[in-house]
Amino acid sequence: MIDKKYNIILGSKSPRRSEILNKLQIKFKISIPDCDEKYPQTLKGCKISEFIAIKKSESLLSEIKKNDLLITCDTIIVTKENDILNKPIDKNDAYNMLNKLNNNEHYVISSVCLRSNNKLKVFSEETKVTFNRIPQEIIQKYVNSNQPLDKAGGYGIQDWFGLIGVKKISGNYTNVMGLPAGSLYFNIREF
């Protein structure tokens, strides 16, 4: 098992990321990064999520001891118009994000930073997602549930909204949840 070589630390408060690590049967402890998620406006696509994933890991550097492996991650949504959607700041922002995605396709990019006390590796994965046409009252109901507020792009593919809203995906499902399980597993094995 990969958690025999390292003491795994998940640098995230996301219940979805914890769920994915549990399903991979990886023992881990949680440490929550303390940093903002601002990035230079000159960055595009995966360079944004990679920058933030590294920034999260840097905020936890003091916690990495010998044989520790820190995993941090950031997920963004990129629309066809190249708009970057992070987590909504409020319900109005979530509503506007979901309307941008409605009856449209977008890309989910998750970037992962693996860090030990002497090594760093960053990788990204992209998944194309196509949304159904969703009636406004359903979007409003989802927004009013507060579920969109902690998710990039304002939705969770695993939520009831994602189950009815997502028409198709091309790529990794767990990547859309916020952590590309297969890539993570094999990158840890090679780390």
C-alpha atoms as a PDB file:
ATOM      1  CA  MET A   1       0.000   0.000   0.000  1.00  0.00           C
ATOM      2  CA  ILE A   2       1.169   3.510  -0.747  1.00  0.00           C
ATOM      3  CA  ASP A   3       0.489   4.793   2.750  1.00  0.00           C
ATOM      4  CA  LYS A   4       3.127   2.412   4.174  1.00  0.00           C
ATOM      5  CA  LYS A   5       5.921   4.481   2.644  1.00  0.00           C
ATOM      6  CA  TYR A   6       4.593   7.859   3.828  1.00  0.00           C
ATOM      7  CA  ASN A   7       2.435   9.398   6.497  1.00  0.00           C
ATOM      8  CA  ILE A   8      -0.173  11.041   4.275  1.00  0.00           C
ATOM      9  CA  ILE A   9      -1.481  14.511   5.094  1.00  0.00           C
ATOM     10  CA  LEU A  10      -4.432  15.854   3.122  1.00  0.00           C
ATOM     11  CA  GLY A  11      -4.208  19.631   3.021  1.00  0.00           C
ATOM     12  CA  SER A  12      -7.918  20.230   2.466  1.00  0.00           C
ATOM     13  CA  LYS A  13     -11.179  20.590   4.352  1.00  0.00           C
ATOM     14  CA  SER A  14     -13.150  19.202   1.395  1.00  0.00           C
ATOM     15  CA  PRO A  15     -15.312  16.233   2.425  1.00  0.00           C
ATOM     16  CA  ARG A  16     -15.220  15.032  -1.197  1.00  0.00           C
ATOM     17  CA  ARG A  17     -11.421  14.825  -1.245  1.00  0.00           C
ATOM     18  CA  SER A  18     -11.464  12.926   2.059  1.00  0.00           C
ATOM     19  CA  GLU A  19     -14.073  10.560   0.627  1.00  0.00           C
ATOM     20  CA  ILE A  20     -11.896   9.858  -2.424  1.00  0.00           C
ATOM     21  CA  LEU A  21      -8.814   9.087  -0.291  1.00  0.00           C
ATOM     22  CA  ASN A  22     -10.934   6.807   1.913  1.00  0.00           C
ATOM     23  CA  LYS A  23     -12.187   4.944  -1.167  1.00  0.00           C
ATOM     24  CA  LEU A  24      -8.561   4.510  -2.277  1.00  0.00           C
ATOM     25  CA  GLN A  25      -7.965   2.931   1.160  1.00  0.00           C
ATOM     26  CA  ILE A  26      -5.296   5.495   1.998  1.00  0.00           C
ATOM     27  CA  LYS A  27      -4.833   6.337   5.674  1.00  0.00           C
ATOM     28  CA  PHE A  28      -4.389  10.077   6.156  1.00  0.00           C
ATOM     29  CA  LYS A  29      -4.761  12.957   8.523  1.00  0.00           C
ATOM     30  CA  ILE A  30      -6.204  16.348   7.629  1.00  0.00           C
ATOM     31  CA  SER A  31      -4.532  19.714   7.923  1.00  0.00           C
ATOM     32  CA  ILE A  32      -6.313  22.781   6.608  1.00  0.00           C
ATOM     33  CA  PRO A  33      -4.283  25.282   4.559  1.00  0.00           C
ATOM     34  CA  ASP A  34      -4.362  28.897   5.699  1.00  0.00           C
ATOM     35  CA  CYS A  35      -3.989  31.008   2.579  1.00  0.00           C
ATOM     36  CA  ASP A  36      -6.068  32.999   0.157  1.00  0.00           C
ATOM     37  CA  GLU A  37      -6.743  31.629  -3.306  1.00  0.00           C
ATOM     38  CA  LYS A  38      -5.658  34.709  -5.243  1.00  0.00           C
ATOM     39  CA  TYR A  39      -3.428  34.248  -8.262  1.00  0.00           C
ATOM     40  CA  PRO A  40      -1.670  36.471 -10.831  1.00  0.00           C
ATOM     41  CA  GLN A  41      -4.170  37.491 -13.524  1.00  0.00           C
ATOM     42  CA  THR A  42      -1.576  36.628 -16.181  1.00  0.00           C
ATOM     43  CA  LEU A  43      -2.018  32.906 -15.446  1.00  0.00           C
ATOM     44  CA  LYS A  44      -4.376  30.808 -17.600  1.00  0.00           C
ATOM     45  CA  GLY A  45      -5.970  27.350 -17.345  1.00  0.00           C
ATOM     46  CA  CYS A  46      -4.112  24.745 -15.299  1.00  0.00           C
ATOM     47  CA  LYS A  47      -1.428  27.273 -14.365  1.00  0.00           C
ATOM     48  CA  ILE A  48      -4.026  28.910 -12.084  1.00  0.00           C
ATOM     49  CA  SER A  49      -4.968  25.742 -10.208  1.00  0.00           C
ATOM     50  CA  GLU A  50      -1.326  24.627 -10.039  1.00  0.00           C
ATOM     51  CA  PHE A  51      -0.334  28.001  -8.546  1.00  0.00           C
ATOM     52  CA  ILE A  52      -3.049  27.724  -5.881  1.00  0.00           C
ATOM     53  CA  ALA A  53      -2.283  24.057  -5.088  1.00  0.00           C
ATOM     54  CA  ILE A  54       1.379  24.989  -4.500  1.00  0.00           C
ATOM     55  CA  LYS A  55       0.346  28.024  -2.447  1.00  0.00           C
ATOM     56  CA  LYS A  56      -1.801  25.772  -0.228  1.00  0.00           C
ATOM     57  CA  SER A  57       1.128  23.388   0.284  1.00  0.00           C
ATOM     58  CA  GLU A  58       3.467  26.261   1.163  1.00  0.00           C
ATOM     59  CA  SER A  59       1.082  27.346   3.936  1.00  0.00           C
ATOM     60  CA  LEU A  60       1.546  23.894   5.526  1.00  0.00           C
ATOM     61  CA  LEU A  61       5.332  23.530   5.103  1.00  0.00           C
ATOM     62  CA  SER A  62       5.987  23.671   8.849  1.00  0.00           C
ATOM     63  CA  GLU A  63       3.823  20.556   9.358  1.00  0.00           C
ATOM     64  CA  ILE A  64       5.838  18.297   7.029  1.00  0.00           C
ATOM     65  CA  LYS A  65       8.132  15.963   8.937  1.00  0.00           C
ATOM     66  CA  LYS A  66      10.329  13.107   7.771  1.00  0.00           C
ATOM     67  CA  ASN A  67       8.263  10.445   5.942  1.00  0.00           C
ATOM     68  CA  ASP A  68       5.289  12.819   5.553  1.00  0.00           C
ATOM     69  CA  LEU A  69       3.633  13.377   2.194  1.00  0.00           C
ATOM     70  CA  LEU A  70       1.381  16.400   1.896  1.00  0.00           C
ATOM     71  CA  ILE A  71      -1.371  16.430  -0.727  1.00  0.00           C
ATOM     72  CA  THR A  72      -2.939  19.747  -1.672  1.00  0.00           C
ATOM     73  CA  CYS A  73      -5.291  20.372  -4.561  1.00  0.00           C
ATOM     74  CA  ASP A  74      -7.193  23.108  -6.309  1.00  0.00           C
ATOM     75  CA  THR A  75     -10.053  22.794  -8.774  1.00  0.00           C
ATOM     76  CA  ILE A  76     -11.277  25.404 -11.232  1.00  0.00           C
ATOM     77  CA  ILE A  77     -13.900  25.532 -13.951  1.00  0.00           C
ATOM     78  CA  VAL A  78     -13.061  27.020 -17.343  1.00  0.00           C
ATOM     79  CA  THR A  79     -15.989  27.976 -19.577  1.00  0.00           C
ATOM     80  CA  LYS A  80     -15.933  27.889 -23.376  1.00  0.00           C
ATOM     81  CA  GLU A  81     -15.420  31.661 -23.216  1.00  0.00           C
ATOM     82  CA  ASN A  82     -12.334  31.061 -21.011  1.00  0.00           C
ATOM     83  CA  ASP A  83     -13.975  32.502 -17.893  1.00  0.00           C
ATOM     84  CA  ILE A  84     -12.474  31.042 -14.713  1.00  0.00           C
ATOM     85  CA  LEU A  85     -15.005  29.940 -12.105  1.00  0.00           C
ATOM     86  CA  ASN A  86     -13.739  29.222  -8.600  1.00  0.00           C
ATOM     87  CA  LYS A  87     -15.989  28.868  -5.545  1.00  0.00           C
ATOM     88  CA  PRO A  88     -18.904  31.331  -5.582  1.00  0.00           C
ATOM     89  CA  ILE A  89     -18.666  34.178  -3.083  1.00  0.00           C
ATOM     90  CA  ASP A  90     -22.415  34.184  -2.403  1.00  0.00           C
ATOM     91  CA  LYS A  91     -25.761  32.842  -3.674  1.00  0.00           C
ATOM     92  CA  ASN A  92     -26.002  35.461  -6.429  1.00  0.00           C
ATOM     93  CA  ASP A  93     -22.538  34.522  -7.693  1.00  0.00           C
ATOM     94  CA  ALA A  94     -23.502  30.811  -7.616  1.00  0.00           C
ATOM     95  CA  TYR A  95     -26.682  31.542  -9.572  1.00  0.00           C
ATOM     96  CA  ASN A  96     -24.728  33.470 -12.234  1.00  0.00           C
ATOM     97  CA  MET A  97     -22.119  30.693 -12.496  1.00  0.00           C
ATOM     98  CA  LEU A  98     -24.744  27.986 -12.953  1.00  0.00           C
ATOM     99  CA  ASN A  99     -26.432  30.016 -15.666  1.00  0.00           C
ATOM    100  CA  LYS A 100     -23.104  30.289 -17.510  1.00  0.00           C
ATOM    101  CA  LEU A 101     -22.794  26.497 -17.373  1.00  0.00           C
ATOM    102  CA  ASN A 102     -26.461  25.808 -18.176  1.00  0.00           C
ATOM    103  CA  ASN A 103     -26.953  24.019 -21.531  1.00  0.00           C
ATOM    104  CA  ASN A 104     -23.254  24.455 -22.240  1.00  0.00           C
ATOM    105  CA  GLU A 105     -19.918  22.671 -21.929  1.00  0.00           C
ATOM    106  CA  HIS A 106     -17.012  23.541 -19.670  1.00  0.00           C
ATOM    107  CA  TYR A 107     -13.749  22.087 -18.427  1.00  0.00           C
ATOM    108  CA  VAL A 108     -12.936  21.052 -14.872  1.00  0.00           C
ATOM    109  CA  ILE A 109      -9.243  21.297 -14.059  1.00  0.00           C
ATOM    110  CA  SER A 110      -7.863  19.854 -10.826  1.00  0.00           C
ATOM    111  CA  SER A 111      -4.229  20.370  -9.953  1.00  0.00           C
ATOM    112  CA  VAL A 112      -2.502  18.356  -7.247  1.00  0.00           C
ATOM    113  CA  CYS A 113       0.689  19.231  -5.383  1.00  0.00           C
ATOM    114  CA  LEU A 114       2.585  16.387  -3.700  1.00  0.00           C
ATOM    115  CA  ARG A 115       5.220  17.593  -1.258  1.00  0.00           C
ATOM    116  CA  SER A 116       7.626  15.884   1.122  1.00  0.00           C
ATOM    117  CA  ASN A 117      10.390  17.585   3.063  1.00  0.00           C
ATOM    118  CA  ASN A 118      12.725  17.191   0.064  1.00  0.00           C
ATOM    119  CA  LYS A 119      10.577  16.749  -3.043  1.00  0.00           C
ATOM    120  CA  LEU A 120       7.744  18.459  -4.928  1.00  0.00           C
ATOM    121  CA  LYS A 121       5.560  17.233  -7.766  1.00  0.00           C
ATOM    122  CA  VAL A 122       2.615  19.016  -9.390  1.00  0.00           C
ATOM    123  CA  PHE A 123       0.227  17.527 -11.951  1.00  0.00           C
ATOM    124  CA  SER A 124      -3.133  18.451 -13.430  1.00  0.00           C
ATOM    125  CA  GLU A 125      -6.061  16.685 -15.005  1.00  0.00           C
ATOM    126  CA  GLU A 126      -8.835  18.089 -17.197  1.00  0.00           C
ATOM    127  CA  THR A 127     -12.375  16.754 -17.692  1.00  0.00           C
ATOM    128  CA  LYS A 128     -14.902  18.090 -20.194  1.00  0.00           C
ATOM    129  CA  VAL A 129     -18.436  18.390 -18.804  1.00  0.00           C
ATOM    130  CA  THR A 130     -21.641  19.125 -20.741  1.00  0.00           C
ATOM    131  CA  PHE A 131     -24.736  20.374 -18.928  1.00  0.00           C
ATOM    132  CA  ASN A 132     -28.359  19.737 -19.817  1.00  0.00           C
ATOM    133  CA  ARG A 133     -30.749  22.651 -20.196  1.00  0.00           C
ATOM    134  CA  ILE A 134     -31.898  23.194 -16.609  1.00  0.00           C
ATOM    135  CA  PRO A 135     -35.036  25.214 -15.757  1.00  0.00           C
ATOM    136  CA  GLN A 136     -34.409  28.395 -13.762  1.00  0.00           C
ATOM    137  CA  GLU A 137     -36.543  27.233 -10.827  1.00  0.00           C
ATOM    138  CA  ILE A 138     -34.316  24.163 -10.392  1.00  0.00           C
ATOM    139  CA  ILE A 139     -31.171  26.303 -10.479  1.00  0.00           C
ATOM    140  CA  GLN A 140     -32.724  28.625  -7.884  1.00  0.00           C
ATOM    141  CA  LYS A 141     -33.728  25.696  -5.648  1.00  0.00           C
ATOM    142  CA  TYR A 142     -30.157  24.364  -5.723  1.00  0.00           C
ATOM    143  CA  VAL A 143     -28.696  27.800  -4.990  1.00  0.00           C
ATOM    144  CA  ASN A 144     -31.110  28.256  -2.076  1.00  0.00           C
ATOM    145  CA  SER A 145     -29.893  24.937  -0.583  1.00  0.00           C
ATOM    146  CA  ASN A 146     -26.420  26.530  -0.056  1.00  0.00           C
ATOM    147  CA  GLN A 147     -24.795  23.399  -1.543  1.00  0.00           C
ATOM    148  CA  PRO A 148     -23.068  25.359  -4.357  1.00  0.00           C
ATOM    149  CA  LEU A 149     -21.124  27.672  -2.050  1.00  0.00           C
ATOM    150  CA  ASP A 150     -18.113  25.416  -1.368  1.00  0.00           C
ATOM    151  CA  LYS A 151     -17.679  24.052  -4.879  1.00  0.00           C
ATOM    152  CA  ALA A 152     -15.777  25.330  -7.911  1.00  0.00           C
ATOM    153  CA  GLY A 153     -18.268  26.476 -10.524  1.00  0.00           C
ATOM    154  CA  GLY A 154     -21.058  26.326  -7.958  1.00  0.00           C
ATOM    155  CA  TYR A 155     -21.996  22.665  -8.389  1.00  0.00           C
ATOM    156  CA  GLY A 156     -21.075  19.194  -7.246  1.00  0.00           C
ATOM    157  CA  ILE A 157     -21.370  16.404  -9.800  1.00  0.00           C
ATOM    158  CA  GLN A 158     -22.237  14.074  -6.904  1.00  0.00           C
ATOM    159  CA  ASP A 159     -25.076  16.363  -5.650  1.00  0.00           C
ATOM    160  CA  TRP A 160     -28.684  15.905  -6.806  1.00  0.00           C
ATOM    161  CA  PHE A 161     -28.143  18.911  -9.066  1.00  0.00           C
ATOM    162  CA  GLY A 162     -25.143  17.265 -10.724  1.00  0.00           C
ATOM    163  CA  LEU A 163     -27.072  14.036 -11.184  1.00  0.00           C
ATOM    164  CA  ILE A 164     -29.767  15.810 -13.198  1.00  0.00           C
ATOM    165  CA  GLY A 165     -27.658  18.627 -14.624  1.00  0.00           C
ATOM    166  CA  VAL A 166     -24.706  16.816 -16.142  1.00  0.00           C
ATOM    167  CA  LYS A 167     -25.516  15.464 -19.587  1.00  0.00           C
ATOM    168  CA  LYS A 168     -22.123  13.872 -20.218  1.00  0.00           C
ATOM    169  CA  ILE A 169     -18.480  13.945 -19.218  1.00  0.00           C
ATOM    170  CA  SER A 170     -15.331  13.170 -21.110  1.00  0.00           C
ATOM    171  CA  GLY A 171     -12.584  12.297 -18.668  1.00  0.00           C
ATOM    172  CA  ASN A 172     -12.239  11.386 -15.030  1.00  0.00           C
ATOM    173  CA  TYR A 173     -15.359  11.572 -12.812  1.00  0.00           C
ATOM    174  CA  THR A 174     -13.422  12.019  -9.535  1.00  0.00           C
ATOM    175  CA  ASN A 175     -11.562  14.910 -11.141  1.00  0.00           C
ATOM    176  CA  VAL A 176     -14.908  16.732 -11.356  1.00  0.00           C
ATOM    177  CA  MET A 177     -15.408  15.955  -7.637  1.00  0.00           C
ATOM    178  CA  GLY A 178     -12.111  17.757  -6.974  1.00  0.00           C
ATOM    179  CA  LEU A 179      -9.385  15.100  -6.856  1.00  0.00           C
ATOM    180  CA  PRO A 180      -8.303  12.877  -9.804  1.00  0.00           C
ATOM    181  CA  ALA A 181      -8.141   9.530  -7.991  1.00  0.00           C
ATOM    182  CA  GLY A 182      -6.271   7.416 -10.554  1.00  0.00           C
ATOM    183  CA  SER A 183      -3.635  10.042 -11.324  1.00  0.00           C
ATOM    184  CA  LEU A 184      -3.188  10.732  -7.622  1.00  0.00           C
ATOM    185  CA  TYR A 185      -2.732   7.054  -6.761  1.00  0.00           C
ATOM    186  CA  PHE A 186      -0.100   6.390  -9.420  1.00  0.00           C
ATOM    187  CA  ASN A 187       1.739   9.650  -8.801  1.00  0.00           C
ATOM    188  CA  ILE A 188       2.014   8.816  -5.092  1.00  0.00           C
ATOM    189  CA  ARG A 189       3.357   5.346  -5.959  1.00  0.00           C
ATOM    190  CA  GLU A 190       6.073   6.955  -8.109  1.00  0.00           C
ATOM    191  CA  PHE A 191       6.841   9.767  -5.666  1.00  0.00           C
END
